[in-house]
All heavy atoms as atom14 arrays in JSON, in Angstrom:
{
  "sequence": "DYFNSARHLHMTGISPALSASCHEFALHAMKFMRKQGKT",
  "atom14_mask": [
    [1, 1, 1, 1, 1, 1, 1, 1, 0, 0, 0, 0, 0, 0],
    [1, 1, 1, 1, 1, 1, 1, 1, 1, 1, 1, 1, 0, 0],
    [1, 1, 1, 1, 1, 1, 1, 1, 1, 1, 1, 0, 0, 0],
    [1, 1, 1, 1, 1, 1, 1, 1, 0, 0, 0, 0, 0, 0],
    [1, 1, 1, 1, 1, 1, 0, 0, 0, 0, 0, 0, 0, 0],
    [1, 1, 1, 1, 1, 0, 0, 0, 0, 0, 0, 0, 0, 0],
    [1, 1, 1, 1, 1, 1, 1, 1, 1, 1, 1, 0, 0, 0],
    [1, 1, 1, 1, 1, 1, 1, 1, 1, 1, 0, 0, 0, 0],
    [1, 1, 1, 1, 1, 1, 1, 1, 0, 0, 0, 0, 0, 0],
    [1, 1, 1, 1, 1, 1, 1, 1, 1, 1, 0, 0, 0, 0],
    [1, 1, 1, 1, 1, 1, 1, 1, 0, 0, 0, 0, 0, 0],
    [1, 1, 1, 1, 1, 1, 1, 0, 0, 0, 0, 0, 0, 0],
    [1, 1, 1, 1, 0, 0, 0, 0, 0, 0, 0, 0, 0, 0],
    [1, 1, 1, 1, 1, 1, 1, 1, 0, 0, 0, 0, 0, 0],
    [1, 1, 1, 1, 1, 1, 0, 0, 0, 0, 0, 0, 0, 0],
    [1, 1, 1, 1, 1, 1, 1, 0, 0, 0, 0, 0, 0, 0],
    [1, 1, 1, 1, 1, 0, 0, 0, 0, 0, 0, 0, 0, 0],
    [1, 1, 1, 1, 1, 1, 1, 1, 0, 0, 0, 0, 0, 0],
    [1, 1, 1, 1, 1, 1, 0, 0, 0, 0, 0, 0, 0, 0],
    [1, 1, 1, 1, 1, 0, 0, 0, 0, 0, 0, 0, 0, 0],
    [1, 1, 1, 1, 1, 1, 0, 0, 0, 0, 0, 0, 0, 0],
    [1, 1, 1, 1, 1, 1, 0, 0, 0, 0, 0, 0, 0, 0],
    [1, 1, 1, 1, 1, 1, 1, 1, 1, 1, 0, 0, 0, 0],
    [1, 1, 1, 1, 1, 1, 1, 1, 1, 0, 0, 0, 0, 0],
    [1, 1, 1, 1, 1, 1, 1, 1, 1, 1, 1, 0, 0, 0],
    [1, 1, 1, 1, 1, 0, 0, 0, 0, 0, 0, 0, 0, 0],
    [1, 1, 1, 1, 1, 1, 1, 1, 0, 0, 0, 0, 0, 0],
    [1, 1, 1, 1, 1, 1, 1, 1, 1, 1, 0, 0, 0, 0],
    [1, 1, 1, 1, 1, 0, 0, 0, 0, 0, 0, 0, 0, 0],
    [1, 1, 1, 1, 1, 1, 1, 1, 0, 0, 0, 0, 0, 0],
    [1, 1, 1, 1, 1, 1, 1, 1, 1, 0, 0, 0, 0, 0],
    [1, 1, 1, 1, 1, 1, 1, 1, 1, 1, 1, 0, 0, 0],
    [1, 1, 1, 1, 1, 1, 1, 1, 0, 0, 0, 0, 0, 0],
    [1, 1, 1, 1, 1, 1, 1, 1, 1, 1, 1, 0, 0, 0],
    [1, 1, 1, 1, 1, 1, 1, 1, 1, 0, 0, 0, 0, 0],
    [1, 1, 1, 1, 1, 1, 1, 1, 1, 0, 0, 0, 0, 0],
    [1, 1, 1, 1, 0, 0, 0, 0, 0, 0, 0, 0, 0, 0],
    [1, 1, 1, 1, 1, 1, 1, 1, 1, 0, 0, 0, 0, 0],
    [1, 1, 1, 1, 1, 1, 1, 0, 0, 0, 0, 0, 0, 0]
  ],
  "atom14_positions": [
    [[120.15, 129.23, 93.02], [121.56, 129.25, 92.61], [122.47, 129.58, 93.78], [123.56, 129.02, 93.92], [121.78, 130.27, 91.48], [121.2, 129.8, 90.16], [120.96, 128.59, 90.01], [120.98, 130.66, 89.28], [0.0, 0.0, 0.0], [0.0, 0.0, 0.0], [0.0, 0.0, 0.0], [0.0, 0.0, 0.0], [0.0, 0.0, 0.0], [0.0, 0.0, 0.0]],
    [[122.02, 130.51, 94.62], [122.84, 130.92, 95.75], [123.03, 129.78, 96.75], [124.14, 129.49, 97.2], [122.23, 132.14, 96.44], [123.15, 132.79, 97.45], [124.37, 133.34, 97.06], [122.8, 132.88, 98.79], [125.21, 133.94, 97.97], [123.63, 133.48, 99.72], [124.83, 134.01, 99.3], [125.68, 134.6, 100.21], [0.0, 0.0, 0.0], [0.0, 0.0, 0.0]],
    [[121.94, 129.12, 97.08], [122.04, 127.98, 98.01], [122.85, 126.85, 97.39], [123.65, 126.21, 98.06], [120.65, 127.49, 98.43], [120.1, 128.23, 99.62], [119.48, 129.46, 99.46], [120.22, 127.71, 100.89], [119.0, 130.17, 100.56], [119.73, 128.39, 102.0], [119.12, 129.63, 101.84], [0.0, 0.0, 0.0], [0.0, 0.0, 0.0], [0.0, 0.0, 0.0]],
    [[122.68, 126.63, 96.11], [123.41, 125.55, 95.43], [124.9, 125.85, 95.33], [125.7, 124.94, 95.09], [122.82, 125.32, 94.04], [123.21, 123.97, 93.47], [123.41, 123.0, 94.2], [123.35, 123.9, 92.16], [0.0, 0.0, 0.0], [0.0, 0.0, 0.0], [0.0, 0.0, 0.0], [0.0, 0.0, 0.0], [0.0, 0.0, 0.0], [0.0, 0.0, 0.0]],
    [[125.27, 127.11, 95.54], [126.7, 127.47, 95.46], [127.46, 127.11, 96.73], [128.67, 127.25, 96.79], [126.85, 128.98, 95.2], [126.56, 129.73, 96.37], [0.0, 0.0, 0.0], [0.0, 0.0, 0.0], [0.0, 0.0, 0.0], [0.0, 0.0, 0.0], [0.0, 0.0, 0.0], [0.0, 0.0, 0.0], [0.0, 0.0, 0.0], [0.0, 0.0, 0.0]],
    [[126.73, 126.65, 97.77], [127.37, 126.32, 99.05], [127.49, 124.82, 99.25], [126.62, 124.05, 98.85], [126.55, 126.92, 100.2], [0.0, 0.0, 0.0], [0.0, 0.0, 0.0], [0.0, 0.0, 0.0], [0.0, 0.0, 0.0], [0.0, 0.0, 0.0], [0.0, 0.0, 0.0], [0.0, 0.0, 0.0], [0.0, 0.0, 0.0], [0.0, 0.0, 0.0]],
    [[128.58, 124.41, 99.89], [128.79, 123.0, 100.22], [127.89, 122.55, 101.36], [127.52, 121.39, 101.44], [130.24, 122.75, 100.67], [131.31, 122.92, 99.61], [132.7, 122.87, 100.27], [132.89, 121.64, 101.07], [133.81, 121.5, 102.01], [134.62, 122.52, 102.31], [133.94, 120.36, 102.66], [0.0, 0.0, 0.0], [0.0, 0.0, 0.0], [0.0, 0.0, 0.0]],
    [[127.59, 123.49, 102.26], [126.96, 123.11, 103.53], [125.95, 124.16, 103.96], [126.16, 125.37, 103.75], [128.05, 122.97, 104.6], [127.53, 122.61, 105.95], [127.17, 121.33, 106.29], [127.29, 123.38, 107.06], [126.74, 121.3, 107.54], [126.8, 122.53, 108.02], [0.0, 0.0, 0.0], [0.0, 0.0, 0.0], [0.0, 0.0, 0.0], [0.0, 0.0, 0.0]],
    [[124.86, 123.7, 104.59], [123.86, 124.59, 105.18], [123.89, 124.42, 106.7], [123.83, 123.3, 107.2], [122.46, 124.22, 104.67], [121.28, 124.84, 105.43], [121.23, 126.36, 105.24], [119.95, 124.21, 104.98], [0.0, 0.0, 0.0], [0.0, 0.0, 0.0], [0.0, 0.0, 0.0], [0.0, 0.0, 0.0], [0.0, 0.0, 0.0], [0.0, 0.0, 0.0]],
    [[123.98, 125.54, 107.41], [123.81, 125.51, 108.86], [122.56, 126.29, 109.22], [122.33, 127.39, 108.72], [125.0, 126.13, 109.59], [124.79, 126.18, 111.09], [124.72, 125.03, 111.86], [124.57, 127.23, 111.94], [124.5, 125.36, 113.13], [124.4, 126.68, 113.19], [0.0, 0.0, 0.0], [0.0, 0.0, 0.0], [0.0, 0.0, 0.0], [0.0, 0.0, 0.0]],
    [[121.74, 125.71, 110.09], [120.55, 126.43, 110.55], [120.29, 126.15, 112.02], [120.85, 125.22, 112.61], [119.34, 126.07, 109.7], [118.93, 124.62, 109.74], [117.33, 124.39, 108.94], [116.22, 124.83, 110.29], [0.0, 0.0, 0.0], [0.0, 0.0, 0.0], [0.0, 0.0, 0.0], [0.0, 0.0, 0.0], [0.0, 0.0, 0.0], [0.0, 0.0, 0.0]],
    [[119.45, 126.99, 112.61], [119.08, 126.82, 114.01], [117.57, 126.72, 114.13], [116.84, 126.99, 113.18], [119.56, 128.01, 114.88], [118.65, 129.11, 114.71], [120.98, 128.44, 114.52], [0.0, 0.0, 0.0], [0.0, 0.0, 0.0], [0.0, 0.0, 0.0], [0.0, 0.0, 0.0], [0.0, 0.0, 0.0], [0.0, 0.0, 0.0], [0.0, 0.0, 0.0]],
    [[117.12, 126.37, 115.32], [115.69, 126.28, 115.58], [115.05, 127.62, 115.87], [113.85, 127.69, 116.14], [0.0, 0.0, 0.0], [0.0, 0.0, 0.0], [0.0, 0.0, 0.0], [0.0, 0.0, 0.0], [0.0, 0.0, 0.0], [0.0, 0.0, 0.0], [0.0, 0.0, 0.0], [0.0, 0.0, 0.0], [0.0, 0.0, 0.0], [0.0, 0.0, 0.0]],
    [[115.85, 128.7, 115.83], [115.29, 130.02, 116.08], [114.51, 130.52, 114.87], [113.37, 130.98, 114.99], [116.41, 131.03, 116.46], [117.12, 130.57, 117.72], [115.83, 132.43, 116.64], [118.35, 131.4, 118.08], [0.0, 0.0, 0.0], [0.0, 0.0, 0.0], [0.0, 0.0, 0.0], [0.0, 0.0, 0.0], [0.0, 0.0, 0.0], [0.0, 0.0, 0.0]],
    [[115.12, 130.42, 113.69], [114.49, 130.95, 112.47], [113.09, 130.4, 112.24], [112.15, 131.18, 112.01], [115.38, 130.67, 111.25], [116.62, 131.29, 111.41], [0.0, 0.0, 0.0], [0.0, 0.0, 0.0], [0.0, 0.0, 0.0], [0.0, 0.0, 0.0], [0.0, 0.0, 0.0], [0.0, 0.0, 0.0], [0.0, 0.0, 0.0], [0.0, 0.0, 0.0]],
    [[112.87, 129.08, 112.28], [111.52, 128.58, 112.02], [110.5, 128.97, 113.08], [109.3, 128.83, 112.87], [111.71, 127.05, 111.96], [113.0, 126.77, 112.64], [113.84, 127.98, 112.41], [0.0, 0.0, 0.0], [0.0, 0.0, 0.0], [0.0, 0.0, 0.0], [0.0, 0.0, 0.0], [0.0, 0.0, 0.0], [0.0, 0.0, 0.0], [0.0, 0.0, 0.0]],
    [[110.98, 129.48, 114.22], [110.06, 129.92, 115.28], [109.56, 131.33, 115.07], [108.58, 131.76, 115.7], [110.76, 129.83, 116.64], [0.0, 0.0, 0.0], [0.0, 0.0, 0.0], [0.0, 0.0, 0.0], [0.0, 0.0, 0.0], [0.0, 0.0, 0.0], [0.0, 0.0, 0.0], [0.0, 0.0, 0.0], [0.0, 0.0, 0.0], [0.0, 0.0, 0.0]],
    [[110.2, 132.07, 114.17], [109.89, 133.5, 114.03], [108.55, 133.76, 113.36], [107.87, 134.74, 113.67], [111.01, 134.21, 113.24], [112.39, 134.21, 113.89], [113.4, 134.89, 112.99], [112.35, 134.89, 115.26], [0.0, 0.0, 0.0], [0.0, 0.0, 0.0], [0.0, 0.0, 0.0], [0.0, 0.0, 0.0], [0.0, 0.0, 0.0], [0.0, 0.0, 0.0]],
    [[108.17, 132.91, 112.4], [106.91, 133.1, 111.68], [106.64, 131.87, 110.83], [107.53, 131.03, 110.61], [106.98, 134.33, 110.76], [107.96, 134.13, 109.74], [0.0, 0.0, 0.0], [0.0, 0.0, 0.0], [0.0, 0.0, 0.0], [0.0, 0.0, 0.0], [0.0, 0.0, 0.0], [0.0, 0.0, 0.0], [0.0, 0.0, 0.0], [0.0, 0.0, 0.0]],
    [[105.41, 131.77, 110.31], [105.06, 130.65, 109.43], [105.89, 130.69, 108.16], [106.34, 129.65, 107.65], [103.57, 130.7, 109.11], [0.0, 0.0, 0.0], [0.0, 0.0, 0.0], [0.0, 0.0, 0.0], [0.0, 0.0, 0.0], [0.0, 0.0, 0.0], [0.0, 0.0, 0.0], [0.0, 0.0, 0.0], [0.0, 0.0, 0.0], [0.0, 0.0, 0.0]],
    [[106.16, 131.89, 107.65], [106.94, 132.0, 106.4], [108.4, 131.62, 106.63], [109.04, 131.04, 105.75], [106.83, 133.4, 105.81], [107.45, 134.37, 106.64], [0.0, 0.0, 0.0], [0.0, 0.0, 0.0], [0.0, 0.0, 0.0], [0.0, 0.0, 0.0], [0.0, 0.0, 0.0], [0.0, 0.0, 0.0], [0.0, 0.0, 0.0], [0.0, 0.0, 0.0]],
    [[108.93, 131.92, 107.83], [110.31, 131.53, 108.14], [110.41, 130.01, 108.3], [111.41, 129.4, 107.89], [110.78, 132.22, 109.43], [111.22, 133.95, 109.23], [0.0, 0.0, 0.0], [0.0, 0.0, 0.0], [0.0, 0.0, 0.0], [0.0, 0.0, 0.0], [0.0, 0.0, 0.0], [0.0, 0.0, 0.0], [0.0, 0.0, 0.0], [0.0, 0.0, 0.0]],
    [[109.39, 129.41, 108.89], [109.37, 127.95, 109.01], [109.32, 127.3, 107.64], [110.03, 126.33, 107.37], [108.17, 127.51, 109.85], [108.02, 126.02, 109.94], [107.06, 125.33, 109.25], [108.75, 125.08, 110.61], [107.18, 124.02, 109.49], [108.21, 123.85, 110.31], [0.0, 0.0, 0.0], [0.0, 0.0, 0.0], [0.0, 0.0, 0.0], [0.0, 0.0, 0.0]],
    [[108.51, 127.85, 106.75], [108.4, 127.34, 105.39], [109.75, 127.47, 104.66], [110.19, 126.56, 103.96], [107.31, 128.11, 104.63], [106.98, 127.54, 103.26], [105.89, 128.32, 102.55], [105.72, 129.54, 102.84], [105.22, 127.74, 101.69], [0.0, 0.0, 0.0], [0.0, 0.0, 0.0], [0.0, 0.0, 0.0], [0.0, 0.0, 0.0], [0.0, 0.0, 0.0]],
    [[110.41, 128.61, 104.86], [111.73, 128.85, 104.25], [112.73, 127.82, 104.75], [113.49, 127.25, 103.98], [112.19, 130.27, 104.61], [113.46, 130.7, 103.93], [113.41, 131.52, 102.81], [114.71, 130.3, 104.39], [114.58, 131.95, 102.17], [115.88, 130.7, 103.77], [115.81, 131.53, 102.65], [0.0, 0.0, 0.0], [0.0, 0.0, 0.0], [0.0, 0.0, 0.0]],
    [[112.72, 127.57, 106.07], [113.67, 126.64, 106.68], [113.5, 125.23, 106.13], [114.47, 124.56, 105.75], [113.52, 126.63, 108.2], [0.0, 0.0, 0.0], [0.0, 0.0, 0.0], [0.0, 0.0, 0.0], [0.0, 0.0, 0.0], [0.0, 0.0, 0.0], [0.0, 0.0, 0.0], [0.0, 0.0, 0.0], [0.0, 0.0, 0.0], [0.0, 0.0, 0.0]],
    [[112.26, 124.76, 106.09], [111.99, 123.41, 105.6], [112.36, 123.28, 104.13], [112.97, 122.28, 103.71], [110.51, 123.07, 105.8], [110.07, 121.65, 105.42], [110.87, 120.61, 106.21], [108.57, 121.48, 105.65], [0.0, 0.0, 0.0], [0.0, 0.0, 0.0], [0.0, 0.0, 0.0], [0.0, 0.0, 0.0], [0.0, 0.0, 0.0], [0.0, 0.0, 0.0]],
    [[112.05, 124.31, 103.35], [112.39, 124.3, 101.92], [113.9, 124.26, 101.73], [114.42, 123.52, 100.88], [111.8, 125.53, 101.23], [112.09, 125.6, 99.77], [111.41, 124.85, 98.82], [113.03, 126.31, 99.07], [111.9, 125.1, 97.62], [112.88, 125.98, 97.75], [0.0, 0.0, 0.0], [0.0, 0.0, 0.0], [0.0, 0.0, 0.0], [0.0, 0.0, 0.0]],
    [[114.62, 125.06, 102.53], [116.1, 125.11, 102.42], [116.71, 123.74, 102.72], [117.62, 123.29, 102.01], [116.66, 126.16, 103.38], [0.0, 0.0, 0.0], [0.0, 0.0, 0.0], [0.0, 0.0, 0.0], [0.0, 0.0, 0.0], [0.0, 0.0, 0.0], [0.0, 0.0, 0.0], [0.0, 0.0, 0.0], [0.0, 0.0, 0.0], [0.0, 0.0, 0.0]],
    [[116.21, 123.09, 103.75], [116.74, 121.77, 104.12], [116.47, 120.74, 103.02], [117.36, 119.99, 102.62], [116.13, 121.3, 105.44], [116.5, 122.16, 106.63], [115.78, 121.55, 108.18], [117.13, 120.56, 108.81], [0.0, 0.0, 0.0], [0.0, 0.0, 0.0], [0.0, 0.0, 0.0], [0.0, 0.0, 0.0], [0.0, 0.0, 0.0], [0.0, 0.0, 0.0]],
    [[115.24, 120.73, 102.52], [114.89, 119.76, 101.47], [115.68, 120.04, 100.19], [116.15, 119.11, 99.52], [113.39, 119.82, 101.19], [112.53, 119.22, 102.3], [111.05, 119.28, 101.94], [110.21, 118.56, 102.98], [108.75, 118.65, 102.67], [0.0, 0.0, 0.0], [0.0, 0.0, 0.0], [0.0, 0.0, 0.0], [0.0, 0.0, 0.0], [0.0, 0.0, 0.0]],
    [[115.85, 121.32, 99.87], [116.61, 121.7, 98.67], [118.06, 121.25, 98.78], [118.6, 120.63, 97.86], [116.54, 123.22, 98.47], [117.35, 123.71, 97.29], [116.81, 123.72, 96.02], [118.66, 124.15, 97.45], [117.55, 124.16, 94.92], [119.41, 124.58, 96.38], [118.86, 124.6, 95.1], [0.0, 0.0, 0.0], [0.0, 0.0, 0.0], [0.0, 0.0, 0.0]],
    [[118.7, 121.55, 99.91], [120.11, 121.2, 100.08], [120.32, 119.7, 100.11], [121.3, 119.17, 99.56], [120.67, 121.87, 101.34], [120.73, 123.38, 101.26], [121.83, 124.02, 99.97], [123.39, 124.1, 100.86], [0.0, 0.0, 0.0], [0.0, 0.0, 0.0], [0.0, 0.0, 0.0], [0.0, 0.0, 0.0], [0.0, 0.0, 0.0], [0.0, 0.0, 0.0]],
    [[119.41, 118.98, 100.73], [119.53, 117.52, 100.76], [119.4, 116.95, 99.35], [120.14, 116.05, 98.96], [118.47, 116.93, 101.69], [118.44, 115.42, 101.65], [117.91, 114.82, 102.94], [118.95, 114.78, 103.95], [118.83, 114.09, 105.09], [117.72, 113.43, 105.36], [119.8, 114.08, 105.97], [0.0, 0.0, 0.0], [0.0, 0.0, 0.0], [0.0, 0.0, 0.0]],
    [[118.47, 117.48, 98.57], [118.28, 117.02, 97.19], [119.54, 117.26, 96.35], [119.86, 116.5, 95.44], [117.08, 117.72, 96.56], [116.64, 117.15, 95.22], [115.39, 117.84, 94.71], [114.97, 117.28, 93.36], [113.77, 117.99, 92.83], [0.0, 0.0, 0.0], [0.0, 0.0, 0.0], [0.0, 0.0, 0.0], [0.0, 0.0, 0.0], [0.0, 0.0, 0.0]],
    [[120.26, 118.34, 96.68], [121.49, 118.68, 95.95], [122.7, 117.9, 96.46], [123.81, 118.07, 95.97], [121.78, 120.18, 96.06], [120.67, 121.09, 95.54], [120.35, 120.86, 94.09], [121.24, 120.65, 93.28], [119.07, 120.9, 93.74], [0.0, 0.0, 0.0], [0.0, 0.0, 0.0], [0.0, 0.0, 0.0], [0.0, 0.0, 0.0], [0.0, 0.0, 0.0]],
    [[122.49, 117.06, 97.49], [123.59, 116.26, 98.03], [124.52, 117.02, 98.95], [125.67, 116.61, 99.17], [0.0, 0.0, 0.0], [0.0, 0.0, 0.0], [0.0, 0.0, 0.0], [0.0, 0.0, 0.0], [0.0, 0.0, 0.0], [0.0, 0.0, 0.0], [0.0, 0.0, 0.0], [0.0, 0.0, 0.0], [0.0, 0.0, 0.0], [0.0, 0.0, 0.0]],
    [[124.05, 118.14, 99.5], [124.87, 118.95, 100.42], [124.68, 118.44, 101.85], [123.72, 117.74, 102.16], [124.45, 120.41, 100.36], [124.19, 120.94, 98.97], [125.46, 121.19, 98.18], [125.12, 121.9, 96.86], [126.3, 122.47, 96.22], [0.0, 0.0, 0.0], [0.0, 0.0, 0.0], [0.0, 0.0, 0.0], [0.0, 0.0, 0.0], [0.0, 0.0, 0.0]],
    [[125.59, 118.83, 102.74], [125.43, 118.48, 104.16], [124.68, 119.6, 104.88], [124.76, 120.77, 104.49], [126.79, 118.24, 104.83], [127.68, 119.34, 104.54], [127.41, 116.94, 104.36], [0.0, 0.0, 0.0], [0.0, 0.0, 0.0], [0.0, 0.0, 0.0], [0.0, 0.0, 0.0], [0.0, 0.0, 0.0], [0.0, 0.0, 0.0], [0.0, 0.0, 0.0]]
  ]
}
């Protein structure tokens, strides 16, 4: 719900480098926002 409340997602290549779980979070966030039609 929180991510869906935003028009846009900004991310960097730092977060997915921090750990396997952060990389998983980053990829999930991108796929989720794209599915919702966000930029």
